Amino acid sequence: MSVGARSVAESAGRGRRGARWVAAVAALAAVTVLAVVGVGWWQRGHLPAVAGERLRDFPAVEQAGLDDTQKRIVEVLRGEFARQPAGTEYSEGVEEPWCADFVSWVLREAGRPLANPNSGSWRIPGVYTLTEYYQQQGRFESPSYRPRVGDVVLYSETSPFSQHTNFVVAADGDTITTVGGNEFGRITIHRYRPAELSGLVGYGRL
């Protein structure tokens, strides 16, 4: 083979290898894009949940049959879910786990303030003391109770939520929907089956 012919053949070979390399890079880029899009779709559609399902939007709460206090609680919760302030806004500036502070604050805003059995304050910062309050008031119910809108859920340390408290905003069949503070460090909404949840202490009736 002449030098010229060999040069042409080598150039053609390099061209084919270059085309294959470009095609491989393009295919890898396409796979990467699809993977990123797929992850983005999954993240948009599925939020991490403590138990059951975590909702992205505040649910439509059926108003028929609710009294004025229940309606106010729902509206306060709706507003705070949209606002997402720092937890210290509910704890009078104290840096602490604020789920019970959130419950206390919402009930005060709705016109049904609590009374701390130790201090008399509207704010009950601990779940254990909050449970004690409902027991003393004769408003504590066992896990078998059918909760209503505005009732407070109480959890022990063995629950997926750990020691925690939040509000019921819907009870449909064997499922409840809750709104709580200091869940993933913010106000979130969960829907789950109480019968399947370990560590559910009970409920505080409105």
N, C-alpha and C. Protein backbone atom coordinates (compact mmCIF):
# COMPACT_ATOMS: atom_id res chain seq x y z
N MET A 1 0.87 -1.19 0.00
CA MET A 1 0.00 0.00 0.00
C MET A 1 0.89 1.23 0.00
N SER A 2 0.56 2.20 -0.83
CA SER A 2 1.35 3.42 -0.90
C SER A 2 1.15 4.24 0.35
N VAL A 3 2.10 5.17 0.56
CA VAL A 3 1.99 6.05 1.74
C VAL A 3 0.70 6.84 1.70
N GLY A 4 0.34 7.32 0.51
CA GLY A 4 -0.89 8.10 0.39
C GLY A 4 -2.12 7.29 0.73
N ALA A 5 -2.15 6.04 0.20
CA ALA A 5 -3.32 5.18 0.47
C ALA A 5 -3.41 4.84 1.94
N ARG A 6 -2.19 4.55 2.54
CA ARG A 6 -2.19 4.21 3.98
C ARG A 6 -2.67 5.40 4.81
N SER A 7 -2.28 6.58 4.42
CA SER A 7 -2.70 7.79 5.14
C SER A 7 -4.20 7.98 5.06
N VAL A 8 -4.76 7.74 3.86
CA VAL A 8 -6.22 7.86 3.70
C VAL A 8 -6.94 6.84 4.56
N ALA A 9 -6.42 5.60 4.58
CA ALA A 9 -7.05 4.53 5.38
C ALA A 9 -7.00 4.86 6.86
N GLU A 10 -5.82 5.36 7.30
CA GLU A 10 -5.69 5.70 8.72
C GLU A 10 -6.65 6.84 9.09
N SER A 11 -6.78 7.81 8.21
CA SER A 11 -7.70 8.93 8.46
C SER A 11 -9.13 8.43 8.57
N ALA A 12 -9.49 7.50 7.67
CA ALA A 12 -10.85 6.95 7.70
C ALA A 12 -11.09 6.20 9.00
N GLY A 13 -10.05 5.44 9.44
CA GLY A 13 -10.18 4.70 10.70
C GLY A 13 -10.37 5.63 11.87
N ARG A 14 -9.54 6.69 11.88
CA ARG A 14 -9.68 7.66 12.97
C ARG A 14 -11.05 8.31 12.94
N GLY A 15 -11.56 8.56 11.73
CA GLY A 15 -12.88 9.17 11.61
C GLY A 15 -13.97 8.29 12.19
N ARG A 16 -13.86 6.95 11.89
CA ARG A 16 -14.87 6.03 12.41
C ARG A 16 -14.80 5.94 13.93
N ARG A 17 -13.54 5.88 14.46
CA ARG A 17 -13.38 5.82 15.92
C ARG A 17 -13.90 7.10 16.57
N GLY A 18 -13.63 8.23 15.91
CA GLY A 18 -14.12 9.50 16.45
C GLY A 18 -15.63 9.56 16.47
N ALA A 19 -16.25 9.05 15.40
CA ALA A 19 -17.71 9.05 15.33
C ALA A 19 -18.31 8.17 16.42
N ARG A 20 -17.64 6.98 16.64
CA ARG A 20 -18.13 6.09 17.70
C ARG A 20 -17.99 6.74 19.07
N TRP A 21 -16.88 7.45 19.28
CA TRP A 21 -16.64 8.12 20.58
C TRP A 21 -17.69 9.20 20.82
N VAL A 22 -17.96 10.00 19.77
CA VAL A 22 -18.98 11.06 19.89
C VAL A 22 -20.34 10.45 20.19
N ALA A 23 -20.67 9.33 19.52
CA ALA A 23 -21.96 8.67 19.74
C ALA A 23 -22.06 8.16 21.17
N ALA A 24 -20.94 7.60 21.68
CA ALA A 24 -20.94 7.07 23.05
C ALA A 24 -21.14 8.19 24.06
N VAL A 25 -20.45 9.32 23.84
CA VAL A 25 -20.60 10.47 24.74
C VAL A 25 -22.02 11.00 24.71
N ALA A 26 -22.61 11.07 23.51
CA ALA A 26 -23.98 11.55 23.37
C ALA A 26 -24.96 10.63 24.10
N ALA A 27 -24.73 9.31 23.97
CA ALA A 27 -25.61 8.35 24.64
C ALA A 27 -25.50 8.49 26.15
N LEU A 28 -24.26 8.66 26.66
CA LEU A 28 -24.06 8.82 28.10
C LEU A 28 -24.74 10.09 28.59
N ALA A 29 -24.63 11.16 27.82
CA ALA A 29 -25.26 12.42 28.20
C ALA A 29 -26.77 12.27 28.26
N ALA A 30 -27.33 11.54 27.28
CA ALA A 30 -28.78 11.33 27.26
C ALA A 30 -29.24 10.55 28.48
N VAL A 31 -28.46 9.51 28.85
CA VAL A 31 -28.80 8.71 30.03
C VAL A 31 -28.75 9.57 31.28
N THR A 32 -27.70 10.43 31.37
CA THR A 32 -27.55 11.31 32.53
C THR A 32 -28.74 12.26 32.66
N VAL A 33 -29.14 12.85 31.52
CA VAL A 33 -30.29 13.77 31.52
C VAL A 33 -31.55 13.05 31.98
N LEU A 34 -31.77 11.85 31.46
CA LEU A 34 -32.95 11.09 31.85
C LEU A 34 -32.92 10.76 33.34
N ALA A 35 -31.73 10.42 33.85
CA ALA A 35 -31.62 10.10 35.27
C ALA A 35 -31.94 11.30 36.12
N VAL A 36 -31.40 12.48 35.74
CA VAL A 36 -31.66 13.70 36.50
C VAL A 36 -33.14 14.05 36.46
N VAL A 37 -33.72 13.97 35.27
CA VAL A 37 -35.16 14.25 35.13
C VAL A 37 -35.96 13.28 35.97
N GLY A 38 -35.56 12.01 35.95
CA GLY A 38 -36.27 11.00 36.73
C GLY A 38 -36.20 11.28 38.21
N VAL A 39 -35.00 11.63 38.70
CA VAL A 39 -34.85 11.96 40.12
C VAL A 39 -35.68 13.17 40.47
N GLY A 40 -35.66 14.19 39.59
CA GLY A 40 -36.46 15.39 39.83
C GLY A 40 -37.93 15.07 39.92
N TRP A 41 -38.40 14.22 39.02
CA TRP A 41 -39.82 13.84 39.05
C TRP A 41 -40.15 13.14 40.36
N TRP A 42 -39.27 12.20 40.79
CA TRP A 42 -39.52 11.46 42.02
C TRP A 42 -39.56 12.40 43.21
N GLN A 43 -38.61 13.35 43.27
CA GLN A 43 -38.57 14.28 44.38
C GLN A 43 -39.79 15.17 44.40
N ARG A 44 -40.27 15.57 43.22
CA ARG A 44 -41.46 16.41 43.18
C ARG A 44 -42.70 15.64 43.61
N GLY A 45 -42.75 14.36 43.32
CA GLY A 45 -43.96 13.59 43.59
C GLY A 45 -43.99 12.91 44.94
N HIS A 46 -42.83 12.71 45.58
CA HIS A 46 -42.76 11.95 46.81
C HIS A 46 -41.90 12.68 47.83
N LEU A 47 -42.52 13.18 48.89
CA LEU A 47 -41.77 13.83 49.96
C LEU A 47 -41.42 12.79 51.02
N PRO A 48 -40.27 12.93 51.68
CA PRO A 48 -39.95 12.00 52.77
C PRO A 48 -40.98 12.12 53.88
N ALA A 49 -41.40 10.99 54.41
CA ALA A 49 -42.46 10.98 55.43
C ALA A 49 -41.97 10.29 56.69
N VAL A 50 -42.49 10.73 57.83
CA VAL A 50 -42.20 10.06 59.10
C VAL A 50 -43.00 8.77 59.17
N ALA A 51 -44.26 8.84 58.76
CA ALA A 51 -45.15 7.68 58.75
C ALA A 51 -46.17 7.86 57.63
N GLY A 52 -46.59 6.76 57.03
CA GLY A 52 -47.59 6.85 55.97
C GLY A 52 -47.12 7.71 54.81
N GLU A 53 -47.92 8.71 54.49
CA GLU A 53 -47.66 9.57 53.33
C GLU A 53 -47.57 11.02 53.79
N ARG A 54 -46.62 11.75 53.24
CA ARG A 54 -46.51 13.18 53.54
C ARG A 54 -47.10 13.97 52.38
N LEU A 55 -47.99 14.90 52.70
CA LEU A 55 -48.69 15.66 51.67
C LEU A 55 -47.97 16.96 51.37
N ARG A 56 -47.97 17.33 50.11
CA ARG A 56 -47.34 18.57 49.68
C ARG A 56 -48.25 19.78 49.91
N ASP A 57 -49.55 19.58 49.73
CA ASP A 57 -50.51 20.69 49.83
C ASP A 57 -51.45 20.49 51.02
N PHE A 58 -51.91 21.60 51.58
CA PHE A 58 -52.87 21.53 52.68
C PHE A 58 -54.17 20.93 52.15
N PRO A 59 -54.73 19.94 52.84
CA PRO A 59 -55.91 19.26 52.31
C PRO A 59 -57.17 20.12 52.39
N ALA A 60 -58.12 19.83 51.54
CA ALA A 60 -59.44 20.45 51.63
C ALA A 60 -60.18 19.79 52.79
N VAL A 61 -60.52 20.56 53.79
CA VAL A 61 -61.18 20.03 54.99
C VAL A 61 -62.67 20.30 54.90
N GLU A 62 -63.46 19.25 54.99
CA GLU A 62 -64.91 19.37 54.94
C GLU A 62 -65.40 20.21 56.13
N GLN A 63 -66.08 21.32 55.83
CA GLN A 63 -66.51 22.24 56.89
C GLN A 63 -67.83 21.85 57.53
N ALA A 64 -68.63 21.08 56.83
CA ALA A 64 -69.94 20.69 57.37
C ALA A 64 -69.73 19.86 58.64
N GLY A 65 -70.44 20.25 59.68
CA GLY A 65 -70.35 19.51 60.93
C GLY A 65 -69.28 20.01 61.88
N LEU A 66 -68.44 20.95 61.44
CA LEU A 66 -67.42 21.50 62.32
C LEU A 66 -67.98 22.67 63.11
N ASP A 67 -67.57 22.77 64.38
CA ASP A 67 -67.99 23.95 65.14
C ASP A 67 -67.00 25.09 64.87
N ASP A 68 -67.28 26.26 65.45
CA ASP A 68 -66.46 27.44 65.15
C ASP A 68 -65.00 27.25 65.56
N THR A 69 -64.77 26.59 66.70
CA THR A 69 -63.40 26.39 67.16
C THR A 69 -62.64 25.48 66.20
N GLN A 70 -63.27 24.41 65.76
CA GLN A 70 -62.62 23.52 64.79
C GLN A 70 -62.26 24.26 63.51
N LYS A 71 -63.18 25.09 63.04
CA LYS A 71 -62.92 25.85 61.82
C LYS A 71 -61.75 26.81 62.02
N ARG A 72 -61.69 27.44 63.19
CA ARG A 72 -60.58 28.36 63.46
C ARG A 72 -59.25 27.62 63.51
N ILE A 73 -59.24 26.45 64.14
CA ILE A 73 -58.01 25.66 64.20
C ILE A 73 -57.53 25.31 62.80
N VAL A 74 -58.44 24.88 61.94
CA VAL A 74 -58.07 24.53 60.57
C VAL A 74 -57.48 25.74 59.84
N GLU A 75 -58.11 26.90 60.02
CA GLU A 75 -57.64 28.10 59.33
C GLU A 75 -56.28 28.55 59.85
N VAL A 76 -56.08 28.46 61.16
CA VAL A 76 -54.77 28.81 61.73
C VAL A 76 -53.70 27.86 61.19
N LEU A 77 -54.00 26.57 61.18
CA LEU A 77 -53.05 25.59 60.66
C LEU A 77 -52.75 25.83 59.19
N ARG A 78 -53.77 26.14 58.43
CA ARG A 78 -53.57 26.42 57.00
C ARG A 78 -52.62 27.60 56.81
N GLY A 79 -52.85 28.65 57.59
CA GLY A 79 -52.02 29.85 57.48
C GLY A 79 -50.58 29.59 57.88
N GLU A 80 -50.38 28.84 58.97
CA GLU A 80 -49.02 28.57 59.44
C GLU A 80 -48.28 27.62 58.50
N PHE A 81 -49.00 26.68 57.91
CA PHE A 81 -48.37 25.79 56.93
C PHE A 81 -47.86 26.58 55.74
N ALA A 82 -48.63 27.57 55.31
CA ALA A 82 -48.21 28.41 54.18
C ALA A 82 -47.06 29.33 54.58
N ARG A 83 -47.05 29.77 55.83
CA ARG A 83 -46.06 30.75 56.29
C ARG A 83 -44.72 30.13 56.63
N GLN A 84 -44.73 28.97 57.30
CA GLN A 84 -43.52 28.25 57.68
C GLN A 84 -42.50 29.12 58.43
N PRO A 85 -42.89 29.71 59.57
CA PRO A 85 -41.93 30.51 60.34
C PRO A 85 -40.98 29.62 61.14
N ALA A 86 -40.01 30.25 61.77
CA ALA A 86 -39.08 29.52 62.64
C ALA A 86 -39.83 29.02 63.88
N GLY A 87 -39.37 27.89 64.44
CA GLY A 87 -40.02 27.31 65.60
C GLY A 87 -40.01 28.20 66.81
N THR A 88 -39.03 29.09 66.91
CA THR A 88 -38.95 29.99 68.07
C THR A 88 -40.13 30.96 68.12
N GLU A 89 -40.84 31.12 67.02
CA GLU A 89 -42.02 31.98 67.04
C GLU A 89 -43.13 31.38 67.89
N TYR A 90 -43.12 30.07 68.05
CA TYR A 90 -44.15 29.39 68.85
C TYR A 90 -43.70 29.13 70.29
N SER A 91 -42.40 29.29 70.54
CA SER A 91 -41.84 28.94 71.86
C SER A 91 -41.41 30.16 72.66
N GLU A 92 -41.91 31.33 72.28
CA GLU A 92 -41.53 32.58 72.94
C GLU A 92 -40.01 32.79 72.89
N GLY A 93 -39.42 32.40 71.77
CA GLY A 93 -38.00 32.63 71.55
C GLY A 93 -37.07 31.58 72.11
N VAL A 94 -37.60 30.57 72.78
CA VAL A 94 -36.77 29.53 73.38
C VAL A 94 -36.35 28.53 72.30
N GLU A 95 -35.06 28.20 72.27
CA GLU A 95 -34.55 27.19 71.34
C GLU A 95 -34.79 25.81 71.93
N GLU A 96 -35.79 25.09 71.43
CA GLU A 96 -36.14 23.78 71.96
C GLU A 96 -36.98 23.03 70.93
N PRO A 97 -37.13 21.71 71.09
CA PRO A 97 -38.09 20.98 70.24
C PRO A 97 -39.47 21.63 70.41
N TRP A 98 -40.10 21.99 69.30
CA TRP A 98 -41.23 22.91 69.41
C TRP A 98 -42.58 22.34 68.97
N CYS A 99 -42.71 21.02 68.90
CA CYS A 99 -44.01 20.46 68.47
C CYS A 99 -45.12 20.81 69.45
N ALA A 100 -44.85 20.70 70.77
CA ALA A 100 -45.88 21.02 71.77
C ALA A 100 -46.10 22.53 71.86
N ASP A 101 -45.05 23.30 71.63
CA ASP A 101 -45.21 24.76 71.56
C ASP A 101 -46.16 25.13 70.42
N PHE A 102 -46.00 24.46 69.30
CA PHE A 102 -46.85 24.72 68.14
C PHE A 102 -48.31 24.41 68.46
N VAL A 103 -48.57 23.26 69.09
CA VAL A 103 -49.94 22.91 69.49
C VAL A 103 -50.50 23.97 70.42
N SER A 104 -49.70 24.38 71.41
CA SER A 104 -50.15 25.40 72.37
C SER A 104 -50.48 26.71 71.67
N TRP A 105 -49.61 27.13 70.76
CA TRP A 105 -49.78 28.41 70.07
C TRP A 105 -51.03 28.40 69.19
N VAL A 106 -51.22 27.32 68.45
CA VAL A 106 -52.38 27.23 67.56
C VAL A 106 -53.68 27.26 68.36
N LEU A 107 -53.73 26.53 69.47
CA LEU A 107 -54.95 26.52 70.28
C LEU A 107 -55.22 27.90 70.88
N ARG A 108 -54.18 28.61 71.27
CA ARG A 108 -54.39 29.97 71.78
C ARG A 108 -54.92 30.88 70.67
N GLU A 109 -54.34 30.79 69.48
CA GLU A 109 -54.80 31.60 68.36
C GLU A 109 -56.24 31.29 67.99
N ALA A 110 -56.65 30.05 68.19
CA ALA A 110 -58.02 29.63 67.84
C ALA A 110 -59.01 29.92 68.96
N GLY A 111 -58.55 30.50 70.06
CA GLY A 111 -59.45 30.86 71.15
C GLY A 111 -59.67 29.78 72.18
N ARG A 112 -58.82 28.72 72.18
CA ARG A 112 -58.93 27.64 73.16
C ARG A 112 -57.58 27.39 73.82
N PRO A 113 -57.06 28.39 74.55
CA PRO A 113 -55.72 28.24 75.12
C PRO A 113 -55.64 27.14 76.16
N LEU A 114 -54.46 26.52 76.23
CA LEU A 114 -54.18 25.53 77.26
C LEU A 114 -53.81 26.25 78.56
N ALA A 115 -53.66 25.48 79.63
CA ALA A 115 -53.19 26.02 80.91
C ALA A 115 -52.16 25.04 81.45
N ASN A 116 -50.90 25.44 81.39
CA ASN A 116 -49.82 24.58 81.86
C ASN A 116 -50.06 24.20 83.32
N PRO A 117 -50.15 22.90 83.65
CA PRO A 117 -50.44 22.49 85.03
C PRO A 117 -49.35 22.88 86.02
N ASN A 118 -48.17 23.23 85.52
CA ASN A 118 -47.07 23.61 86.40
C ASN A 118 -46.93 25.12 86.56
N SER A 119 -47.20 25.87 85.49
CA SER A 119 -46.98 27.32 85.53
C SER A 119 -48.23 28.15 85.30
N GLY A 120 -49.28 27.53 84.74
CA GLY A 120 -50.49 28.27 84.40
C GLY A 120 -50.39 28.97 83.05
N SER A 121 -49.24 28.92 82.41
CA SER A 121 -49.04 29.57 81.12
C SER A 121 -49.86 28.91 80.02
N TRP A 122 -50.12 29.66 78.96
CA TRP A 122 -50.81 29.11 77.79
C TRP A 122 -49.93 28.09 77.06
N ARG A 123 -48.63 28.15 77.31
CA ARG A 123 -47.68 27.32 76.57
C ARG A 123 -47.27 26.10 77.39
N ILE A 124 -47.48 24.91 76.80
CA ILE A 124 -47.01 23.66 77.39
C ILE A 124 -45.93 23.12 76.47
N PRO A 125 -44.65 23.27 76.83
CA PRO A 125 -43.58 22.96 75.90
C PRO A 125 -43.21 21.49 75.79
N GLY A 126 -43.73 20.64 76.67
CA GLY A 126 -43.36 19.23 76.65
C GLY A 126 -44.53 18.31 76.36
N VAL A 127 -44.28 17.25 75.61
CA VAL A 127 -45.35 16.30 75.26
C VAL A 127 -45.85 15.56 76.49
N TYR A 128 -44.94 15.21 77.39
CA TYR A 128 -45.36 14.50 78.61
C TYR A 128 -46.31 15.37 79.43
N THR A 129 -45.97 16.65 79.61
CA THR A 129 -46.84 17.56 80.37
C THR A 129 -48.15 17.81 79.63
N LEU A 130 -48.09 17.85 78.31
CA LEU A 130 -49.31 18.03 77.52
C LEU A 130 -50.24 16.83 77.71
N THR A 131 -49.68 15.63 77.72
CA THR A 131 -50.47 14.43 77.99
C THR A 131 -51.08 14.49 79.38
N GLU A 132 -50.28 14.90 80.34
CA GLU A 132 -50.74 15.04 81.73
C GLU A 132 -51.90 16.04 81.82
N TYR A 133 -51.78 17.13 81.08
CA TYR A 133 -52.84 18.15 81.06
C TYR A 133 -54.16 17.55 80.59
N TYR A 134 -54.14 16.83 79.48
CA TYR A 134 -55.38 16.25 78.96
C TYR A 134 -55.95 15.19 79.92
N GLN A 135 -55.09 14.46 80.58
CA GLN A 135 -55.55 13.48 81.56
C GLN A 135 -56.24 14.17 82.73
N GLN A 136 -55.64 15.24 83.22
CA GLN A 136 -56.22 15.98 84.35
C GLN A 136 -57.54 16.64 83.97
N GLN A 137 -57.66 17.04 82.71
CA GLN A 137 -58.88 17.69 82.23
C GLN A 137 -59.98 16.69 81.88
N GLY A 138 -59.68 15.39 81.96
CA GLY A 138 -60.66 14.38 81.57
C GLY A 138 -60.90 14.33 80.08
N ARG A 139 -59.91 14.77 79.31
CA ARG A 139 -60.05 14.84 77.85
C ARG A 139 -59.03 13.96 77.13
N PHE A 140 -58.43 13.03 77.85
CA PHE A 140 -57.48 12.11 77.23
C PHE A 140 -58.23 10.88 76.73
N GLU A 141 -57.92 10.44 75.52
CA GLU A 141 -58.55 9.27 74.93
C GLU A 141 -57.49 8.26 74.49
N SER A 142 -57.84 6.99 74.56
CA SER A 142 -56.91 5.91 74.19
C SER A 142 -56.73 5.85 72.67
N PRO A 143 -55.75 5.08 72.19
CA PRO A 143 -55.53 4.96 70.74
C PRO A 143 -56.73 4.41 69.96
N SER A 144 -57.65 3.73 70.64
CA SER A 144 -58.82 3.18 69.94
C SER A 144 -59.89 4.24 69.66
N TYR A 145 -59.74 5.41 70.24
CA TYR A 145 -60.69 6.52 70.04
C TYR A 145 -60.71 6.96 68.58
N ARG A 146 -61.89 7.34 68.13
CA ARG A 146 -62.04 7.86 66.76
C ARG A 146 -61.85 9.38 66.81
N PRO A 147 -60.70 9.93 66.39
CA PRO A 147 -60.45 11.36 66.56
C PRO A 147 -61.29 12.22 65.62
N ARG A 148 -61.42 13.49 66.03
CA ARG A 148 -62.15 14.47 65.25
C ARG A 148 -61.21 15.62 64.89
N VAL A 149 -61.65 16.46 63.98
CA VAL A 149 -60.86 17.62 63.57
C VAL A 149 -60.58 18.50 64.78
N GLY A 150 -59.32 18.86 64.97
CA GLY A 150 -58.93 19.71 66.09
C GLY A 150 -58.40 18.96 67.28
N ASP A 151 -58.60 17.64 67.31
CA ASP A 151 -58.02 16.83 68.40
C ASP A 151 -56.50 16.79 68.23
N VAL A 152 -55.83 16.53 69.35
CA VAL A 152 -54.37 16.49 69.38
C VAL A 152 -53.91 15.04 69.50
N VAL A 153 -52.95 14.65 68.68
CA VAL A 153 -52.39 13.30 68.74
C VAL A 153 -51.14 13.34 69.63
N LEU A 154 -50.98 12.31 70.46
CA LEU A 154 -49.86 12.23 71.39
C LEU A 154 -49.07 10.95 71.12
N TYR A 155 -47.77 11.08 70.92
CA TYR A 155 -46.91 9.95 70.57
C TYR A 155 -45.82 9.75 71.62
N SER A 156 -45.41 8.50 71.80
CA SER A 156 -44.30 8.20 72.72
C SER A 156 -42.98 8.16 71.96
N GLU A 157 -41.90 7.96 72.68
CA GLU A 157 -40.58 7.91 72.07
C GLU A 157 -40.41 6.71 71.13
N THR A 158 -41.27 5.70 71.28
CA THR A 158 -41.15 4.50 70.43
C THR A 158 -41.86 4.65 69.09
N SER A 159 -42.53 5.77 68.87
CA SER A 159 -43.23 5.97 67.60
C SER A 159 -42.26 6.44 66.53
N PRO A 160 -42.62 6.34 65.25
CA PRO A 160 -41.76 6.88 64.19
C PRO A 160 -41.51 8.38 64.36
N PHE A 161 -42.46 9.09 64.99
CA PHE A 161 -42.31 10.52 65.23
C PHE A 161 -41.44 10.81 66.45
N SER A 162 -41.08 9.76 67.21
CA SER A 162 -40.48 9.89 68.53
C SER A 162 -41.52 10.54 69.45
N GLN A 163 -41.09 11.12 70.58
CA GLN A 163 -42.07 11.78 71.46
C GLN A 163 -42.52 13.05 70.76
N HIS A 164 -43.81 13.14 70.47
CA HIS A 164 -44.27 14.17 69.54
C HIS A 164 -45.76 14.41 69.73
N THR A 165 -46.23 15.50 69.13
CA THR A 165 -47.66 15.80 69.13
C THR A 165 -48.00 16.60 67.87
N ASN A 166 -49.22 16.41 67.37
CA ASN A 166 -49.70 17.18 66.24
C ASN A 166 -51.23 17.18 66.22
N PHE A 167 -51.81 17.86 65.24
CA PHE A 167 -53.27 18.02 65.16
C PHE A 167 -53.89 17.08 64.12
N VAL A 168 -55.11 16.67 64.39
CA VAL A 168 -55.92 15.95 63.40
C VAL A 168 -56.70 16.98 62.59
N VAL A 169 -56.61 16.91 61.27
CA VAL A 169 -57.43 17.79 60.42
C VAL A 169 -58.40 16.99 59.56
N ALA A 170 -58.27 15.67 59.56
CA ALA A 170 -59.22 14.82 58.83
C ALA A 170 -59.13 13.41 59.37
N ALA A 171 -60.28 12.74 59.40
CA ALA A 171 -60.35 11.33 59.78
C ALA A 171 -61.29 10.65 58.80
N ASP A 172 -60.73 9.84 57.92
CA ASP A 172 -61.51 9.19 56.87
C ASP A 172 -61.28 7.68 56.93
N GLY A 173 -62.33 6.94 57.27
CA GLY A 173 -62.19 5.50 57.39
C GLY A 173 -61.18 5.16 58.47
N ASP A 174 -60.15 4.41 58.10
CA ASP A 174 -59.12 4.03 59.08
C ASP A 174 -57.88 4.90 58.98
N THR A 175 -58.02 6.05 58.32
CA THR A 175 -56.88 6.94 58.07
C THR A 175 -57.12 8.31 58.70
N ILE A 176 -56.06 8.90 59.25
CA ILE A 176 -56.16 10.28 59.71
C ILE A 176 -55.11 11.14 59.00
N THR A 177 -55.39 12.43 58.91
CA THR A 177 -54.46 13.40 58.36
C THR A 177 -54.07 14.36 59.47
N THR A 178 -52.78 14.57 59.66
CA THR A 178 -52.30 15.40 60.76
C THR A 178 -51.47 16.57 60.24
N VAL A 179 -51.46 17.64 61.04
CA VAL A 179 -50.58 18.78 60.78
C VAL A 179 -49.78 19.02 62.05
N GLY A 180 -48.46 19.06 61.93
CA GLY A 180 -47.63 19.23 63.12
C GLY A 180 -46.41 20.08 62.88
N GLY A 181 -45.91 20.66 63.96
CA GLY A 181 -44.69 21.45 63.91
C GLY A 181 -43.48 20.62 64.29
N ASN A 182 -42.32 21.08 63.87
CA ASN A 182 -41.04 20.41 64.13
C ASN A 182 -41.01 18.99 63.57
N GLU A 183 -41.58 18.82 62.39
CA GLU A 183 -41.48 17.58 61.63
C GLU A 183 -40.57 17.86 60.44
N PHE A 184 -39.39 17.27 60.42
CA PHE A 184 -38.33 17.65 59.48
C PHE A 184 -37.93 19.11 59.67
N GLY A 185 -38.11 19.62 60.91
CA GLY A 185 -37.73 20.99 61.22
C GLY A 185 -38.71 22.03 60.71
N ARG A 186 -39.90 21.62 60.28
CA ARG A 186 -40.87 22.56 59.73
C ARG A 186 -42.29 22.08 60.05
N ILE A 187 -43.29 22.73 59.50
CA ILE A 187 -44.68 22.31 59.66
C ILE A 187 -45.03 21.42 58.48
N THR A 188 -45.46 20.19 58.76
CA THR A 188 -45.76 19.27 57.67
C THR A 188 -47.10 18.58 57.89
N ILE A 189 -47.54 17.90 56.85
CA ILE A 189 -48.83 17.20 56.84
C ILE A 189 -48.58 15.73 56.53
N HIS A 190 -49.12 14.86 57.37
CA HIS A 190 -48.99 13.41 57.16
C HIS A 190 -50.37 12.75 57.12
N ARG A 191 -50.46 11.69 56.36
CA ARG A 191 -51.67 10.87 56.33
C ARG A 191 -51.25 9.42 56.57
N TYR A 192 -51.85 8.79 57.57
CA TYR A 192 -51.45 7.42 57.92
C TYR A 192 -52.59 6.70 58.63
N ARG A 193 -52.40 5.40 58.86
CA ARG A 193 -53.37 4.59 59.58
C ARG A 193 -52.91 4.43 61.03
N PRO A 194 -53.63 4.99 61.99
CA PRO A 194 -53.22 4.89 63.39
C PRO A 194 -53.03 3.45 63.87
N ALA A 195 -53.85 2.53 63.37
CA ALA A 195 -53.77 1.13 63.81
C ALA A 195 -52.43 0.50 63.43
N GLU A 196 -51.76 1.07 62.44
CA GLU A 196 -50.48 0.51 61.98
C GLU A 196 -49.28 1.23 62.58
N LEU A 197 -49.54 2.22 63.45
CA LEU A 197 -48.45 3.03 63.99
C LEU A 197 -48.11 2.61 65.41
N SER A 198 -46.86 2.28 65.65
CA SER A 198 -46.42 1.96 67.00
C SER A 198 -46.21 3.25 67.79
N GLY A 199 -46.32 3.15 69.11
CA GLY A 199 -46.01 4.29 69.96
C GLY A 199 -47.06 5.38 70.01
N LEU A 200 -48.28 5.10 69.56
CA LEU A 200 -49.37 6.07 69.66
C LEU A 200 -49.93 6.02 71.08
N VAL A 201 -49.74 7.07 71.85
CA VAL A 201 -50.18 7.09 73.26
C VAL A 201 -51.68 7.29 73.35
N GLY A 202 -52.20 8.21 72.54
CA GLY A 202 -53.63 8.51 72.57
C GLY A 202 -53.90 9.89 71.99
N TYR A 203 -55.03 10.45 72.39
CA TYR A 203 -55.48 11.73 71.84
C TYR A 203 -55.92 12.67 72.95
N GLY A 204 -55.75 13.95 72.69
CA GLY A 204 -56.32 14.98 73.55
C GLY A 204 -57.53 15.57 72.84
N ARG A 205 -58.71 15.39 73.44
CA ARG A 205 -59.94 15.90 72.81
C ARG A 205 -59.97 17.42 72.87
N LEU A 206 -60.48 18.02 71.80
CA LEU A 206 -60.64 19.46 71.75
C LEU A 206 -61.61 19.92 72.84
